[in-house]
C-alpha atoms as a PDB file:
ATOM      1  CA  MET A   1     -32.468 -37.682  -0.758  1.00  0.00           C
ATOM      2  CA  GLU A   2     -34.361 -35.251  -3.011  1.00  0.00           C
ATOM      3  CA  GLN A   3     -35.632 -33.385   0.054  1.00  0.00           C
ATOM      4  CA  ARG A   4     -32.081 -32.982   1.378  1.00  0.00           C
ATOM      5  CA  ARG A   5     -30.893 -31.479  -1.932  1.00  0.00           C
ATOM      6  CA  ASN A   6     -33.782 -28.974  -1.913  1.00  0.00           C
ATOM      7  CA  ARG A   7     -32.888 -27.859   1.624  1.00  0.00           C
ATOM      8  CA  TRP A   8     -29.238 -27.137   0.737  1.00  0.00           C
ATOM      9  CA  SER A   9     -29.899 -25.267  -2.526  1.00  0.00           C
ATOM     10  CA  PRO A  10     -31.317 -22.091  -0.899  1.00  0.00           C
ATOM     11  CA  LEU A  11     -28.543 -22.160   1.712  1.00  0.00           C
ATOM     12  CA  ALA A  12     -25.841 -22.474  -0.957  1.00  0.00           C
ATOM     13  CA  PHE A  13     -27.448 -19.678  -2.983  1.00  0.00           C
ATOM     14  CA  MET A  14     -27.551 -17.401   0.091  1.00  0.00           C
ATOM     15  CA  GLY A  15     -23.927 -18.244   0.970  1.00  0.00           C
ATOM     16  CA  VAL A  16     -22.669 -17.347  -2.507  1.00  0.00           C
ATOM     17  CA  GLY A  17     -24.740 -14.151  -2.390  1.00  0.00           C
ATOM     18  CA  LEU A  18     -23.196 -13.138   0.949  1.00  0.00           C
ATOM     19  CA  VAL A  19     -19.688 -13.733  -0.400  1.00  0.00           C
ATOM     20  CA  VAL A  20     -20.407 -11.566  -3.468  1.00  0.00           C
ATOM     21  CA  VAL A  21     -21.862  -8.763  -1.303  1.00  0.00           C
ATOM     22  CA  ALA A  22     -18.833  -8.885   1.019  1.00  0.00           C
ATOM     23  CA  LEU A  23     -16.383  -8.676  -1.882  1.00  0.00           C
ATOM     24  CA  LEU A  24     -18.243  -5.759  -3.436  1.00  0.00           C
ATOM     25  CA  SER A  25     -18.360  -3.860  -0.151  1.00  0.00           C
ATOM     26  CA  LEU A  26     -14.604  -4.278   0.360  1.00  0.00           C
ATOM     27  CA  ALA A  27     -13.999  -2.632  -3.016  1.00  0.00           C
ATOM     28  CA  SER A  28     -16.195   0.366  -2.191  1.00  0.00           C
ATOM     29  CA  SER A  29     -14.868   3.683  -0.916  1.00  0.00           C
ATOM     30  CA  THR A  30     -16.754   3.306   2.366  1.00  0.00           C
ATOM     31  CA  TRP A  31     -13.781   1.283   3.620  1.00  0.00           C
ATOM     32  CA  ALA A  32     -11.375   4.238   3.604  1.00  0.00           C
ATOM     33  CA  THR A  33      -7.736   3.601   4.254  1.00  0.00           C
ATOM     34  CA  PRO A  34      -5.637   6.342   5.911  1.00  0.00           C
ATOM     35  CA  ALA A  35      -4.348   7.370   2.454  1.00  0.00           C
ATOM     36  CA  GLN A  36      -7.942   7.905   1.250  1.00  0.00           C
ATOM     37  CA  ASP A  37      -9.078   9.845   4.292  1.00  0.00           C
ATOM     38  CA  ALA A  38      -8.148  13.550   3.918  1.00  0.00           C
ATOM     39  CA  LYS A  39      -7.759  13.968   7.674  1.00  0.00           C
ATOM     40  CA  HIS A  40      -5.049  11.298   7.774  1.00  0.00           C
ATOM     41  CA  SER A  41      -3.401  11.690   4.368  1.00  0.00           C
ATOM     42  CA  THR A  42       0.337  11.499   3.912  1.00  0.00           C
ATOM     43  CA  VAL A  43       2.576  14.189   2.496  1.00  0.00           C
ATOM     44  CA  THR A  44       2.059  13.657  -1.220  1.00  0.00           C
ATOM     45  CA  VAL A  45       4.531  16.191  -2.624  1.00  0.00           C
ATOM     46  CA  PRO A  46       8.162  15.268  -1.912  1.00  0.00           C
ATOM     47  CA  PRO A  47      10.620  17.967  -0.917  1.00  0.00           C
ATOM     48  CA  ILE A  48      12.421  19.625  -3.811  1.00  0.00           C
ATOM     49  CA  LYS A  49      16.158  19.976  -3.187  1.00  0.00           C
ATOM     50  CA  THR A  50      18.456  22.004  -5.419  1.00  0.00           C
ATOM     51  CA  VAL A  51      22.059  23.217  -5.315  1.00  0.00           C
ATOM     52  CA  ASP A  52      23.265  26.449  -6.899  1.00  0.00           C
ATOM     53  CA  LYS A  53      26.422  24.984  -8.527  1.00  0.00           C
ATOM     54  CA  ALA A  54      26.996  21.897 -10.653  1.00  0.00           C
ATOM     55  CA  VAL A  55      30.811  21.955 -10.270  1.00  0.00           C
ATOM     56  CA  VAL A  56      32.722  23.039  -7.160  1.00  0.00           C
ATOM     57  CA  VAL A  57      36.342  23.034  -6.035  1.00  0.00           C
ATOM     58  CA  ALA A  58      37.883  22.779  -2.564  1.00  0.00           C
ATOM     59  CA  GLY A  59      37.275  25.956  -0.577  1.00  0.00           C
ATOM     60  CA  GLU A  60      34.300  27.035  -2.693  1.00  0.00           C
ATOM     61  CA  GLU A  61      30.892  27.731  -1.174  1.00  0.00           C
ATOM     62  CA  ALA A  62      27.589  26.288  -2.395  1.00  0.00           C
ATOM     63  CA  VAL A  63      23.971  26.710  -1.344  1.00  0.00           C
ATOM     64  CA  PHE A  64      21.385  23.921  -0.993  1.00  0.00           C
ATOM     65  CA  GLU A  65      17.719  24.888  -0.984  1.00  0.00           C
ATOM     66  CA  VAL A  66      14.908  22.579   0.140  1.00  0.00           C
ATOM     67  CA  LEU A  67      11.325  23.502  -0.739  1.00  0.00           C
ATOM     68  CA  LEU A  68       8.316  21.890   0.947  1.00  0.00           C
ATOM     69  CA  THR A  69       5.109  22.810  -0.924  1.00  0.00           C
ATOM     70  CA  ASN A  70       1.570  21.840   0.086  1.00  0.00           C
ATOM     71  CA  ASN A  71      -0.196  22.232  -3.270  1.00  0.00           C
ATOM     72  CA  PRO A  72      -1.766  18.880  -4.177  1.00  0.00           C
ATOM     73  CA  PRO A  73      -5.385  18.872  -5.345  1.00  0.00           C
ATOM     74  CA  ASN A  74      -7.774  19.075  -2.384  1.00  0.00           C
ATOM     75  CA  ALA A  75      -4.881  20.046  -0.102  1.00  0.00           C
ATOM     76  CA  TRP A  76      -5.168  19.583   3.652  1.00  0.00           C
ATOM     77  CA  THR A  77      -2.966  20.848   6.461  1.00  0.00           C
ATOM     78  CA  TRP A  78       0.238  18.848   6.905  1.00  0.00           C
ATOM     79  CA  SER A  79       0.739  18.540  10.650  1.00  0.00           C
ATOM     80  CA  ASP A  80       3.999  18.263  12.595  1.00  0.00           C
ATOM     81  CA  VAL A  81       6.290  18.209   9.539  1.00  0.00           C
ATOM     82  CA  VAL A  82      10.006  17.676  10.178  1.00  0.00           C
ATOM     83  CA  MET A  83      12.674  17.986   7.477  1.00  0.00           C
ATOM     84  CA  THR A  84      15.940  16.089   7.948  1.00  0.00           C
ATOM     85  CA  ASP A  85      19.084  16.232   5.857  1.00  0.00           C
ATOM     86  CA  THR A  86      22.483  14.616   6.382  1.00  0.00           C
ATOM     87  CA  ILE A  87      25.126  16.727   4.669  1.00  0.00           C
ATOM     88  CA  ASP A  88      28.006  14.878   2.959  1.00  0.00           C
ATOM     89  CA  SER A  89      31.174  14.695   5.091  1.00  0.00           C
ATOM     90  CA  ARG A  90      33.180  16.474   2.350  1.00  0.00           C
ATOM     91  CA  LEU A  91      31.101  19.595   3.016  1.00  0.00           C
ATOM     92  CA  GLY A  92      31.217  21.895   6.007  1.00  0.00           C
ATOM     93  CA  ILE A  93      27.996  23.598   7.142  1.00  0.00           C
ATOM     94  CA  ARG A  94      28.440  27.390   7.230  1.00  0.00           C
ATOM     95  CA  GLY A  95      24.872  28.534   7.864  1.00  0.00           C
ATOM     96  CA  LEU A  96      21.206  27.535   8.034  1.00  0.00           C
ATOM     97  CA  THR A  97      17.948  29.441   7.506  1.00  0.00           C
ATOM     98  CA  THR A  98      14.268  28.520   7.335  1.00  0.00           C
ATOM     99  CA  THR A  99      11.146  30.461   6.456  1.00  0.00           C
ATOM    100  CA  GLN A 100       9.098  28.468   8.977  1.00  0.00           C
ATOM    101  CA  GLY A 101       9.832  26.619  12.209  1.00  0.00           C
ATOM    102  CA  SER A 102      13.118  26.078  14.011  1.00  0.00           C
ATOM    103  CA  ILE A 103      16.369  24.778  12.549  1.00  0.00           C
ATOM    104  CA  GLY A 104      19.507  23.212  13.995  1.00  0.00           C
ATOM    105  CA  ALA A 105      22.474  21.029  13.155  1.00  0.00           C
ATOM    106  CA  ASP A 106      24.193  18.269  15.085  1.00  0.00           C
ATOM    107  CA  GLY A 107      27.421  17.479  13.242  1.00  0.00           C
ATOM    108  CA  GLN A 108      26.384  16.857   9.631  1.00  0.00           C
ATOM    109  CA  ASP A 109      22.696  16.250  10.502  1.00  0.00           C
ATOM    110  CA  VAL A 110      20.331  19.164   9.845  1.00  0.00           C
ATOM    111  CA  THR A 111      16.851  19.049  11.417  1.00  0.00           C
ATOM    112  CA  VAL A 112      14.045  21.537  10.842  1.00  0.00           C
ATOM    113  CA  ASN A 113      10.903  21.345  12.958  1.00  0.00           C
ATOM    114  CA  VAL A 114       8.675  22.981  10.347  1.00  0.00           C
ATOM    115  CA  GLY A 115       5.381  22.386  12.159  1.00  0.00           C
ATOM    116  CA  ASP A 116       2.122  22.672  10.191  1.00  0.00           C
ATOM    117  CA  ILE A 117       2.035  23.631   6.509  1.00  0.00           C
ATOM    118  CA  LEU A 118      -1.377  24.960   5.501  1.00  0.00           C
ATOM    119  CA  PRO A 119      -2.972  24.195   2.108  1.00  0.00           C
ATOM    120  CA  GLY A 120      -1.196  26.310  -0.503  1.00  0.00           C
ATOM    121  CA  GLY A 121       1.638  27.005   1.928  1.00  0.00           C
ATOM    122  CA  GLU A 122       5.330  26.309   1.651  1.00  0.00           C
ATOM    123  CA  ALA A 123       8.516  26.341   3.671  1.00  0.00           C
ATOM    124  CA  THR A 124      12.022  26.964   2.332  1.00  0.00           C
ATOM    125  CA  ILE A 125      15.152  25.713   4.075  1.00  0.00           C
ATOM    126  CA  THR A 126      18.539  27.052   2.960  1.00  0.00           C
ATOM    127  CA  ILE A 127      21.804  25.296   3.844  1.00  0.00           C
ATOM    128  CA  TYR A 128      25.096  27.117   3.172  1.00  0.00           C
ATOM    129  CA  VAL A 129      28.103  24.802   2.788  1.00  0.00           C
ATOM    130  CA  VAL A 130      31.795  24.964   1.841  1.00  0.00           C
ATOM    131  CA  VAL A 131      33.666  22.191   0.025  1.00  0.00           C
ATOM    132  CA  GLU A 132      36.286  20.828   2.411  1.00  0.00           C
ATOM    133  CA  GLY A 133      37.382  17.698   0.571  1.00  0.00           C
ATOM    134  CA  GLY A 134      36.956  15.401  -2.340  1.00  0.00           C
ATOM    135  CA  ASP A 135      38.949  14.411  -5.396  1.00  0.00           C
ATOM    136  CA  PRO A 136      38.293  15.834  -8.852  1.00  0.00           C
ATOM    137  CA  GLY A 137      35.455  13.894 -10.422  1.00  0.00           C
ATOM    138  CA  ASP A 138      33.813  12.973  -7.099  1.00  0.00           C
ATOM    139  CA  VAL A 139      30.055  13.437  -7.172  1.00  0.00           C
ATOM    140  CA  ILE A 140      28.583  14.830  -3.979  1.00  0.00           C
ATOM    141  CA  GLU A 141      24.950  13.746  -3.752  1.00  0.00           C
ATOM    142  CA  ASN A 142      22.516  14.847  -1.088  1.00  0.00           C
ATOM    143  CA  ARG A 143      18.814  14.240  -0.256  1.00  0.00           C
ATOM    144  CA  ALA A 144      16.386  15.844   2.157  1.00  0.00           C
ATOM    145  CA  TYR A 145      13.485  13.994   3.821  1.00  0.00           C
ATOM    146  CA  ALA A 146      10.068  15.235   4.945  1.00  0.00           C
ATOM    147  CA  ILE A 147       8.701  13.279   7.899  1.00  0.00           C
ATOM    148  CA  ARG A 148       5.276  13.208   9.548  1.00  0.00           C
ATOM    149  CA  PRO A 149       4.449  11.177  12.647  1.00  0.00           C
ATOM    150  CA  GLY A 150       3.145   7.744  11.711  1.00  0.00           C
ATOM    151  CA  TYR A 151       4.272   7.850   8.062  1.00  0.00           C
ATOM    152  CA  ASP A 152       7.379   6.818   6.117  1.00  0.00           C
ATOM    153  CA  PRO A 153       9.872   9.584   5.269  1.00  0.00           C
ATOM    154  CA  LEU A 154       9.433  11.111   1.821  1.00  0.00           C
ATOM    155  CA  GLY A 155      12.764  11.838   0.110  1.00  0.00           C
ATOM    156  CA  SER A 156      13.686  14.470  -2.425  1.00  0.00           C
ATOM    157  CA  THR A 157      15.463  13.754  -5.643  1.00  0.00           C
ATOM    158  CA  PRO A 158      19.192  14.074  -5.002  1.00  0.00           C
ATOM    159  CA  ALA A 159      20.913  17.420  -5.448  1.00  0.00           C
ATOM    160  CA  ARG A 160      24.282  16.732  -7.109  1.00  0.00           C
ATOM    161  CA  MET A 161      27.499  18.619  -7.589  1.00  0.00           C
ATOM    162  CA  THR A 162      30.814  17.400  -8.952  1.00  0.00           C
ATOM    163  CA  VAL A 163      34.208  18.223  -7.492  1.00  0.00           C
ATOM    164  CA  GLY A 164      36.180  19.869 -10.270  1.00  0.00           C
ATOM    165  CA  ILE A 165      39.824  20.633 -10.945  1.00  0.00           C
ATOM    166  CA  PRO A 166      40.922  24.069  -9.740  1.00  0.00           C
ATOM    167  CA  VAL A 167      41.854  26.389 -12.573  1.00  0.00           C
ATOM    168  CA  TYR A 168      45.111  28.266 -12.036  1.00  0.00           C
ATOM    169  CA  ILE A 169      46.686  30.789 -14.382  1.00  0.00           C
ATOM    170  CA  PRO A 170      50.301  29.743 -14.796  1.00  0.00           C
ATOM    171  CA  LEU A 171      52.724  32.315 -13.399  1.00  0.00           C
ATOM    172  CA  VAL A 172      54.601  32.252 -16.694  1.00  0.00           C
ATOM    173  CA  LEU A 173      51.619  33.881 -18.383  1.00  0.00           C
ATOM    174  CA  LYS A 174      51.308  36.619 -15.790  1.00  0.00           C
ATOM    175  CA  ASP A 175      53.433  39.125 -17.721  1.00  0.00           C
ATOM    176  CA  TYR A 176      52.813  37.650 -21.143  1.00  0.00           C
ATOM    177  CA  SER A 177      52.776  40.395 -23.776  1.00  0.00           C
ATOM    178  CA  GLY A 178      52.111  38.301 -26.877  1.00  0.00           C
ATOM    179  CA  PRO A 179      54.133  37.604 -30.052  1.00  0.00           C
END
């Protein structure tokens, strides 16, 4: 019985040691995940989307701008970047421009095949719209998404504008001369 216990003690000690070594090696950086490997890193800076007006009325034009910037520390080239944006149905698209890649719209869906963005590089997409509908007080909210093959889309913070009440000068005041 004593001999049997002596035989198992070194084996148990070695087994526990192997488990500890395995756990420590899993926590080391030698087991790089795609997010840790610079060659396979995701887009880490979300698109920045802005609108030039906070309040709009029917018939008024507004301009959305989407900025994709590759400036994180230790930046790497972002490959095959695509920006997508679905414009609210209360807005009509009047024009599109991009500083890099090709741009197009299918109904309310805007797609920009940006391509590669080098470290320190950026691309700016401009979307010109006109307000075609909405009731006063409606908030029109819009996001843009940067997409790379094999990764989840990265969304911008929403650009918001509120539909306001048109301001008309009453006709009675047109020839008002004062008291």
